[in-house]
Amino acid sequence: WGWEAKNSFEVRLAMELLASRARPEHVELSMIARFRLEG
């Protein structure tokens, strides 16, 4: 997480799911959410 401005910051979650015999997909996902302070 990090500050974007005085009253807003971002939080990042990321995950990686490796392929296996049962699940051949390799999935990488990154999500960012921006939060703003009010008052």
All heavy atoms as atom14 arrays in JSON, in Angstrom:
{
  "sequence": "WGWEAKNSFEVRLAMELLASRARPEHVELSMIARFRLEG",
  "atom14_mask": [
    [1, 1, 1, 1, 1, 1, 1, 1, 1, 1, 1, 1, 1, 1],
    [1, 1, 1, 1, 0, 0, 0, 0, 0, 0, 0, 0, 0, 0],
    [1, 1, 1, 1, 1, 1, 1, 1, 1, 1, 1, 1, 1, 1],
    [1, 1, 1, 1, 1, 1, 1, 1, 1, 0, 0, 0, 0, 0],
    [1, 1, 1, 1, 1, 0, 0, 0, 0, 0, 0, 0, 0, 0],
    [1, 1, 1, 1, 1, 1, 1, 1, 1, 0, 0, 0, 0, 0],
    [1, 1, 1, 1, 1, 1, 1, 1, 0, 0, 0, 0, 0, 0],
    [1, 1, 1, 1, 1, 1, 0, 0, 0, 0, 0, 0, 0, 0],
    [1, 1, 1, 1, 1, 1, 1, 1, 1, 1, 1, 0, 0, 0],
    [1, 1, 1, 1, 1, 1, 1, 1, 1, 0, 0, 0, 0, 0],
    [1, 1, 1, 1, 1, 1, 1, 0, 0, 0, 0, 0, 0, 0],
    [1, 1, 1, 1, 1, 1, 1, 1, 1, 1, 1, 0, 0, 0],
    [1, 1, 1, 1, 1, 1, 1, 1, 0, 0, 0, 0, 0, 0],
    [1, 1, 1, 1, 1, 0, 0, 0, 0, 0, 0, 0, 0, 0],
    [1, 1, 1, 1, 1, 1, 1, 1, 0, 0, 0, 0, 0, 0],
    [1, 1, 1, 1, 1, 1, 1, 1, 1, 0, 0, 0, 0, 0],
    [1, 1, 1, 1, 1, 1, 1, 1, 0, 0, 0, 0, 0, 0],
    [1, 1, 1, 1, 1, 1, 1, 1, 0, 0, 0, 0, 0, 0],
    [1, 1, 1, 1, 1, 0, 0, 0, 0, 0, 0, 0, 0, 0],
    [1, 1, 1, 1, 1, 1, 0, 0, 0, 0, 0, 0, 0, 0],
    [1, 1, 1, 1, 1, 1, 1, 1, 1, 1, 1, 0, 0, 0],
    [1, 1, 1, 1, 1, 0, 0, 0, 0, 0, 0, 0, 0, 0],
    [1, 1, 1, 1, 1, 1, 1, 1, 1, 1, 1, 0, 0, 0],
    [1, 1, 1, 1, 1, 1, 1, 0, 0, 0, 0, 0, 0, 0],
    [1, 1, 1, 1, 1, 1, 1, 1, 1, 0, 0, 0, 0, 0],
    [1, 1, 1, 1, 1, 1, 1, 1, 1, 1, 0, 0, 0, 0],
    [1, 1, 1, 1, 1, 1, 1, 0, 0, 0, 0, 0, 0, 0],
    [1, 1, 1, 1, 1, 1, 1, 1, 1, 0, 0, 0, 0, 0],
    [1, 1, 1, 1, 1, 1, 1, 1, 0, 0, 0, 0, 0, 0],
    [1, 1, 1, 1, 1, 1, 0, 0, 0, 0, 0, 0, 0, 0],
    [1, 1, 1, 1, 1, 1, 1, 1, 0, 0, 0, 0, 0, 0],
    [1, 1, 1, 1, 1, 1, 1, 1, 0, 0, 0, 0, 0, 0],
    [1, 1, 1, 1, 1, 0, 0, 0, 0, 0, 0, 0, 0, 0],
    [1, 1, 1, 1, 1, 1, 1, 1, 1, 1, 1, 0, 0, 0],
    [1, 1, 1, 1, 1, 1, 1, 1, 1, 1, 1, 0, 0, 0],
    [1, 1, 1, 1, 1, 1, 1, 1, 1, 1, 1, 0, 0, 0],
    [1, 1, 1, 1, 1, 1, 1, 1, 0, 0, 0, 0, 0, 0],
    [1, 1, 1, 1, 1, 1, 1, 1, 1, 0, 0, 0, 0, 0],
    [1, 1, 1, 1, 0, 0, 0, 0, 0, 0, 0, 0, 0, 0]
  ],
  "atom14_positions": [
    [[0.85, -1.18, 0.0], [0.0, 0.0, 0.0], [0.88, 1.22, 0.0], [2.05, 1.16, 0.38], [-0.98, -0.01, 1.17], [-0.41, 0.44, 2.48], [0.39, -0.29, 3.33], [-0.59, 1.71, 3.1], [0.69, 0.44, 4.43], [0.11, 1.68, 4.33], [-1.28, 2.86, 2.76], [0.14, 2.77, 5.19], [-1.25, 3.95, 3.62], [-0.54, 3.88, 4.83]],
    [[0.32, 2.32, -0.49], [1.07, 3.56, -0.53], [0.15, 4.74, -0.72], [-0.98, 4.61, -1.22], [0.0, 0.0, 0.0], [0.0, 0.0, 0.0], [0.0, 0.0, 0.0], [0.0, 0.0, 0.0], [0.0, 0.0, 0.0], [0.0, 0.0, 0.0], [0.0, 0.0, 0.0], [0.0, 0.0, 0.0], [0.0, 0.0, 0.0], [0.0, 0.0, 0.0]],
    [[0.64, 5.9, -0.31], [-0.12, 7.14, -0.44], [-0.1, 7.59, -1.89], [0.92, 7.56, -2.55], [0.48, 8.22, 0.45], [0.24, 7.96, 1.9], [1.13, 7.42, 2.78], [-0.96, 8.17, 2.62], [0.55, 7.3, 4.02], [-0.74, 7.76, 3.95], [-2.22, 8.69, 2.27], [-1.72, 7.84, 4.93], [-3.19, 8.77, 3.25], [-2.94, 8.35, 4.56]],
    [[-1.24, 8.06, -2.37], [-1.35, 8.67, -3.69], [-1.39, 10.18, -3.57], [-0.89, 10.89, -4.41], [-2.61, 8.17, -4.4], [-2.51, 6.73, -4.82], [-1.41, 6.52, -5.82], [-1.39, 7.21, -6.86], [-0.53, 5.68, -5.57], [0.0, 0.0, 0.0], [0.0, 0.0, 0.0], [0.0, 0.0, 0.0], [0.0, 0.0, 0.0], [0.0, 0.0, 0.0]],
    [[-2.04, 10.65, -2.55], [-2.17, 12.08, -2.26], [-2.42, 12.21, -0.77], [-2.48, 11.21, -0.05], [-3.33, 12.69, -3.06], [0.0, 0.0, 0.0], [0.0, 0.0, 0.0], [0.0, 0.0, 0.0], [0.0, 0.0, 0.0], [0.0, 0.0, 0.0], [0.0, 0.0, 0.0], [0.0, 0.0, 0.0], [0.0, 0.0, 0.0], [0.0, 0.0, 0.0]],
    [[-2.57, 13.44, -0.3], [-2.76, 13.66, 1.14], [-3.96, 12.88, 1.68], [-3.91, 12.37, 2.79], [-2.96, 15.16, 1.39], [-3.16, 15.51, 2.84], [-3.36, 16.98, 3.03], [-3.61, 17.29, 4.5], [-3.9, 18.69, 4.71], [0.0, 0.0, 0.0], [0.0, 0.0, 0.0], [0.0, 0.0, 0.0], [0.0, 0.0, 0.0], [0.0, 0.0, 0.0]],
    [[-5.02, 12.78, 0.9], [-6.24, 12.13, 1.37], [-6.62, 10.86, 0.61], [-7.77, 10.44, 0.64], [-7.41, 13.13, 1.31], [-7.24, 14.23, 2.32], [-6.69, 14.01, 3.4], [-7.69, 15.41, 1.98], [0.0, 0.0, 0.0], [0.0, 0.0, 0.0], [0.0, 0.0, 0.0], [0.0, 0.0, 0.0], [0.0, 0.0, 0.0], [0.0, 0.0, 0.0]],
    [[-5.67, 10.25, -0.09], [-5.99, 9.0, -0.77], [-4.78, 8.07, -0.8], [-3.63, 8.52, -0.82], [-6.49, 9.25, -2.2], [-5.48, 9.77, -3.0], [0.0, 0.0, 0.0], [0.0, 0.0, 0.0], [0.0, 0.0, 0.0], [0.0, 0.0, 0.0], [0.0, 0.0, 0.0], [0.0, 0.0, 0.0], [0.0, 0.0, 0.0], [0.0, 0.0, 0.0]],
    [[-5.06, 6.78, -0.77], [-4.01, 5.78, -0.83], [-4.51, 4.58, -1.61], [-5.72, 4.4, -1.79], [-3.54, 5.38, 0.58], [-4.63, 4.81, 1.46], [-4.82, 3.44, 1.54], [-5.44, 5.64, 2.21], [-5.81, 2.91, 2.35], [-6.43, 5.13, 3.03], [-6.62, 3.76, 3.09], [0.0, 0.0, 0.0], [0.0, 0.0, 0.0], [0.0, 0.0, 0.0]],
    [[-3.57, 3.79, -2.09], [-3.89, 2.57, -2.84], [-3.39, 1.36, -2.08], [-2.34, 1.4, -1.44], [-3.24, 2.59, -4.22], [-3.85, 3.58, -5.16], [-3.26, 3.49, -6.56], [-2.2, 2.87, -6.76], [-3.89, 4.08, -7.45], [0.0, 0.0, 0.0], [0.0, 0.0, 0.0], [0.0, 0.0, 0.0], [0.0, 0.0, 0.0], [0.0, 0.0, 0.0]],
    [[-4.16, 0.28, -2.2], [-3.78, -1.01, -1.64], [-3.74, -2.0, -2.8], [-4.66, -2.03, -3.63], [-4.79, -1.48, -0.57], [-4.45, -2.86, -0.06], [-4.84, -0.47, 0.58], [0.0, 0.0, 0.0], [0.0, 0.0, 0.0], [0.0, 0.0, 0.0], [0.0, 0.0, 0.0], [0.0, 0.0, 0.0], [0.0, 0.0, 0.0], [0.0, 0.0, 0.0]],
    [[-2.66, -2.78, -2.87], [-2.51, -3.76, -3.95], [-2.45, -5.16, -3.38], [-1.69, -5.43, -2.45], [-1.24, -3.51, -4.76], [-1.09, -4.46, -5.96], [0.19, -4.23, -6.72], [1.38, -4.55, -5.96], [1.85, -5.79, -5.8], [1.23, -6.82, -6.33], [2.95, -6.0, -5.11], [0.0, 0.0, 0.0], [0.0, 0.0, 0.0], [0.0, 0.0, 0.0]],
    [[-3.26, -6.04, -3.92], [-3.18, -7.47, -3.62], [-2.79, -8.19, -4.9], [-3.29, -7.86, -5.97], [-4.53, -8.02, -3.15], [-5.08, -7.54, -1.83], [-6.43, -8.2, -1.55], [-4.11, -7.85, -0.7], [0.0, 0.0, 0.0], [0.0, 0.0, 0.0], [0.0, 0.0, 0.0], [0.0, 0.0, 0.0], [0.0, 0.0, 0.0], [0.0, 0.0, 0.0]],
    [[-1.89, -9.14, -4.79], [-1.49, -9.92, -5.96], [-1.36, -11.38, -5.55], [-1.02, -11.69, -4.4], [-0.16, -9.42, -6.51], [0.0, 0.0, 0.0], [0.0, 0.0, 0.0], [0.0, 0.0, 0.0], [0.0, 0.0, 0.0], [0.0, 0.0, 0.0], [0.0, 0.0, 0.0], [0.0, 0.0, 0.0], [0.0, 0.0, 0.0], [0.0, 0.0, 0.0]],
    [[-1.67, -12.25, -6.48], [-1.5, -13.68, -6.21], [-1.12, -14.4, -7.49], [-1.37, -13.93, -8.6], [-2.77, -14.29, -5.62], [-3.94, -14.34, -6.53], [-5.41, -15.19, -5.88], [-5.02, -15.65, -4.26], [0.0, 0.0, 0.0], [0.0, 0.0, 0.0], [0.0, 0.0, 0.0], [0.0, 0.0, 0.0], [0.0, 0.0, 0.0], [0.0, 0.0, 0.0]],
    [[-0.47, -15.52, -7.29], [-0.06, -16.37, -8.41], [-0.45, -17.8, -8.07], [-0.15, -18.29, -6.98], [1.44, -16.27, -8.64], [1.93, -17.12, -9.78], [3.42, -16.97, -10.04], [4.14, -16.52, -9.12], [3.86, -17.31, -11.14], [0.0, 0.0, 0.0], [0.0, 0.0, 0.0], [0.0, 0.0, 0.0], [0.0, 0.0, 0.0], [0.0, 0.0, 0.0]],
    [[-1.15, -18.45, -8.98], [-1.53, -19.84, -8.83], [-0.81, -20.63, -9.91], [-1.05, -20.43, -11.1], [-3.05, -20.0, -8.97], [-3.87, -19.15, -8.0], [-5.34, -19.15, -8.4], [-3.69, -19.64, -6.59], [0.0, 0.0, 0.0], [0.0, 0.0, 0.0], [0.0, 0.0, 0.0], [0.0, 0.0, 0.0], [0.0, 0.0, 0.0], [0.0, 0.0, 0.0]],
    [[0.1, -21.49, -9.49], [0.91, -22.24, -10.44], [0.12, -23.41, -11.03], [-0.75, -23.98, -10.38], [2.17, -22.76, -9.75], [3.08, -21.66, -9.18], [4.24, -22.29, -8.42], [3.59, -20.74, -10.27], [0.0, 0.0, 0.0], [0.0, 0.0, 0.0], [0.0, 0.0, 0.0], [0.0, 0.0, 0.0], [0.0, 0.0, 0.0], [0.0, 0.0, 0.0]],
    [[0.46, -23.75, -12.25], [-0.18, -24.87, -12.92], [0.22, -26.19, -12.26], [1.3, -26.31, -11.69], [0.22, -24.88, -14.4], [0.0, 0.0, 0.0], [0.0, 0.0, 0.0], [0.0, 0.0, 0.0], [0.0, 0.0, 0.0], [0.0, 0.0, 0.0], [0.0, 0.0, 0.0], [0.0, 0.0, 0.0], [0.0, 0.0, 0.0], [0.0, 0.0, 0.0]],
    [[-0.68, -27.15, -12.36], [-0.41, -28.5, -11.84], [-1.06, -29.51, -12.79], [-1.71, -29.12, -13.77], [-1.0, -28.66, -10.43], [-2.42, -28.6, -10.49], [0.0, 0.0, 0.0], [0.0, 0.0, 0.0], [0.0, 0.0, 0.0], [0.0, 0.0, 0.0], [0.0, 0.0, 0.0], [0.0, 0.0, 0.0], [0.0, 0.0, 0.0], [0.0, 0.0, 0.0]],
    [[-0.9, -30.77, -12.51], [-1.56, -31.78, -13.36], [-3.08, -31.64, -13.3], [-3.76, -31.76, -14.3], [-1.18, -33.19, -12.91], [0.15, -33.62, -13.38], [0.34, -35.1, -13.16], [1.63, -35.48, -13.66], [2.39, -36.38, -13.13], [1.99, -37.04, -12.05], [3.56, -36.67, -13.65], [0.0, 0.0, 0.0], [0.0, 0.0, 0.0], [0.0, 0.0, 0.0]],
    [[-3.59, -31.39, -12.1], [-5.03, -31.26, -11.93], [-5.58, -29.96, -12.52], [-6.69, -29.92, -13.02], [-5.4, -31.35, -10.45], [0.0, 0.0, 0.0], [0.0, 0.0, 0.0], [0.0, 0.0, 0.0], [0.0, 0.0, 0.0], [0.0, 0.0, 0.0], [0.0, 0.0, 0.0], [0.0, 0.0, 0.0], [0.0, 0.0, 0.0], [0.0, 0.0, 0.0]],
    [[-4.77, -28.9, -12.46], [-5.19, -27.59, -12.95], [-4.08, -27.04, -13.84], [-3.11, -26.49, -13.33], [-5.45, -26.64, -11.81], [-6.59, -27.11, -10.91], [-7.34, -25.98, -10.32], [-7.92, -25.09, -11.29], [-9.18, -25.17, -11.73], [-9.96, -26.14, -11.32], [-9.64, -24.31, -12.58], [0.0, 0.0, 0.0], [0.0, 0.0, 0.0], [0.0, 0.0, 0.0]],
    [[-4.18, -27.17, -15.15], [-3.1, -26.74, -16.04], [-2.97, -25.22, -16.2], [-2.01, -24.77, -16.8], [-3.46, -27.4, -17.37], [-4.93, -27.62, -17.31], [-5.27, -27.84, -15.87], [0.0, 0.0, 0.0], [0.0, 0.0, 0.0], [0.0, 0.0, 0.0], [0.0, 0.0, 0.0], [0.0, 0.0, 0.0], [0.0, 0.0, 0.0], [0.0, 0.0, 0.0]],
    [[-3.89, -24.45, -15.65], [-3.81, -23.0, -15.79], [-2.76, -22.41, -14.84], [-2.61, -22.85, -13.71], [-5.14, -22.31, -15.46], [-6.3, -22.77, -16.27], [-7.15, -23.78, -15.51], [-6.69, -24.37, -14.52], [-8.29, -23.99, -15.94], [0.0, 0.0, 0.0], [0.0, 0.0, 0.0], [0.0, 0.0, 0.0], [0.0, 0.0, 0.0], [0.0, 0.0, 0.0]],
    [[-2.08, -21.41, -15.34], [-1.18, -20.6, -14.51], [-1.87, -19.23, -14.43], [-2.02, -18.55, -15.43], [0.19, -20.48, -15.17], [1.14, -19.61, -14.41], [2.35, -20.06, -13.97], [1.06, -18.32, -14.0], [2.97, -19.08, -13.33], [2.2, -18.01, -13.35], [0.0, 0.0, 0.0], [0.0, 0.0, 0.0], [0.0, 0.0, 0.0], [0.0, 0.0, 0.0]],
    [[-2.28, -18.86, -13.23], [-3.06, -17.63, -13.05], [-2.24, -16.62, -12.25], [-1.7, -16.95, -11.19], [-4.39, -17.92, -12.32], [-5.16, -16.63, -12.07], [-5.22, -18.92, -13.09], [0.0, 0.0, 0.0], [0.0, 0.0, 0.0], [0.0, 0.0, 0.0], [0.0, 0.0, 0.0], [0.0, 0.0, 0.0], [0.0, 0.0, 0.0], [0.0, 0.0, 0.0]],
    [[-2.12, -15.41, -12.77], [-1.53, -14.3, -12.03], [-2.56, -13.19, -12.0], [-3.14, -12.85, -13.02], [-0.26, -13.8, -12.72], [0.87, -14.8, -12.68], [2.13, -14.26, -13.31], [2.48, -13.09, -13.01], [2.74, -14.99, -14.09], [0.0, 0.0, 0.0], [0.0, 0.0, 0.0], [0.0, 0.0, 0.0], [0.0, 0.0, 0.0], [0.0, 0.0, 0.0]],
    [[-2.77, -12.65, -10.82], [-3.79, -11.62, -10.66], [-3.25, -10.52, -9.75], [-2.62, -10.8, -8.73], [-5.05, -12.23, -10.03], [-6.19, -11.26, -9.81], [-7.13, -11.3, -11.01], [-6.95, -11.63, -8.56], [0.0, 0.0, 0.0], [0.0, 0.0, 0.0], [0.0, 0.0, 0.0], [0.0, 0.0, 0.0], [0.0, 0.0, 0.0], [0.0, 0.0, 0.0]],
    [[-3.48, -9.29, -10.14], [-3.11, -8.14, -9.33], [-4.3, -7.2, -9.3], [-4.86, -6.89, -10.35], [-1.88, -7.44, -9.91], [-1.52, -6.35, -9.11], [0.0, 0.0, 0.0], [0.0, 0.0, 0.0], [0.0, 0.0, 0.0], [0.0, 0.0, 0.0], [0.0, 0.0, 0.0], [0.0, 0.0, 0.0], [0.0, 0.0, 0.0], [0.0, 0.0, 0.0]],
    [[-4.7, -6.79, -8.12], [-5.83, -5.9, -7.97], [-5.42, -4.7, -7.12], [-4.77, -4.86, -6.09], [-7.0, -6.62, -7.32], [-8.24, -5.75, -7.18], [-9.65, -6.67, -6.53], [-10.05, -7.67, -7.95], [0.0, 0.0, 0.0], [0.0, 0.0, 0.0], [0.0, 0.0, 0.0], [0.0, 0.0, 0.0], [0.0, 0.0, 0.0], [0.0, 0.0, 0.0]],
    [[-5.78, -3.53, -7.58], [-5.49, -2.29, -6.85], [-6.81, -1.62, -6.52], [-7.68, -1.48, -7.39], [-4.61, -1.35, -7.69], [-3.25, -1.98, -7.95], [-4.45, 0.0, -6.98], [-2.39, -1.2, -8.91], [0.0, 0.0, 0.0], [0.0, 0.0, 0.0], [0.0, 0.0, 0.0], [0.0, 0.0, 0.0], [0.0, 0.0, 0.0], [0.0, 0.0, 0.0]],
    [[-6.94, -1.19, -5.27], [-8.1, -0.43, -4.84], [-7.63, 0.91, -4.29], [-6.63, 0.97, -3.58], [-8.88, -1.18, -3.78], [0.0, 0.0, 0.0], [0.0, 0.0, 0.0], [0.0, 0.0, 0.0], [0.0, 0.0, 0.0], [0.0, 0.0, 0.0], [0.0, 0.0, 0.0], [0.0, 0.0, 0.0], [0.0, 0.0, 0.0], [0.0, 0.0, 0.0]],
    [[-8.32, 1.96, -4.65], [-7.97, 3.3, -4.16], [-9.01, 3.7, -3.1], [-10.21, 3.58, -3.31], [-7.99, 4.31, -5.3], [-7.59, 5.7, -4.82], [-7.37, 6.65, -5.97], [-6.13, 6.26, -6.65], [-5.89, 6.5, -7.92], [-6.77, 7.09, -8.66], [-4.75, 6.13, -8.46], [0.0, 0.0, 0.0], [0.0, 0.0, 0.0], [0.0, 0.0, 0.0]],
    [[-8.5, 4.16, -1.97], [-9.34, 4.59, -0.86], [-9.1, 6.07, -0.62], [-7.99, 6.56, -0.73], [-8.99, 3.8, 0.41], [-9.3, 2.33, 0.29], [-8.34, 1.45, -0.22], [-10.53, 1.84, 0.64], [-8.62, 0.11, -0.34], [-10.82, 0.49, 0.52], [-9.87, -0.38, 0.03], [0.0, 0.0, 0.0], [0.0, 0.0, 0.0], [0.0, 0.0, 0.0]],
    [[-10.18, 6.77, -0.29], [-10.09, 8.21, -0.07], [-10.6, 8.54, 1.33], [-11.6, 8.01, 1.79], [-10.94, 8.94, -1.1], [-10.81, 10.45, -1.01], [-11.6, 11.15, -2.07], [-13.0, 10.76, -1.96], [-13.86, 10.78, -2.96], [-13.46, 11.16, -4.15], [-15.11, 10.44, -2.8], [0.0, 0.0, 0.0], [0.0, 0.0, 0.0], [0.0, 0.0, 0.0]],
    [[-9.88, 9.41, 2.01], [-10.27, 9.86, 3.34], [-11.24, 11.03, 3.21], [-11.01, 11.93, 2.41], [-9.03, 10.31, 4.13], [-7.9, 9.29, 4.24], [-6.7, 9.92, 4.91], [-8.37, 8.07, 5.0], [0.0, 0.0, 0.0], [0.0, 0.0, 0.0], [0.0, 0.0, 0.0], [0.0, 0.0, 0.0], [0.0, 0.0, 0.0], [0.0, 0.0, 0.0]],
    [[-12.28, 11.0, 3.99], [-13.27, 12.07, 3.99], [-13.25, 12.76, 5.35], [-13.31, 12.09, 6.38], [-14.67, 11.52, 3.72], [-14.85, 10.94, 2.34], [-14.85, 11.98, 1.24], [-15.19, 13.14, 1.52], [-14.5, 11.63, 0.1], [0.0, 0.0, 0.0], [0.0, 0.0, 0.0], [0.0, 0.0, 0.0], [0.0, 0.0, 0.0], [0.0, 0.0, 0.0]],
    [[-13.17, 14.06, 5.37], [-13.18, 14.81, 6.62], [-11.83, 14.79, 7.31], [-10.87, 14.19, 6.85], [0.0, 0.0, 0.0], [0.0, 0.0, 0.0], [0.0, 0.0, 0.0], [0.0, 0.0, 0.0], [0.0, 0.0, 0.0], [0.0, 0.0, 0.0], [0.0, 0.0, 0.0], [0.0, 0.0, 0.0], [0.0, 0.0, 0.0], [0.0, 0.0, 0.0]]
  ]
}
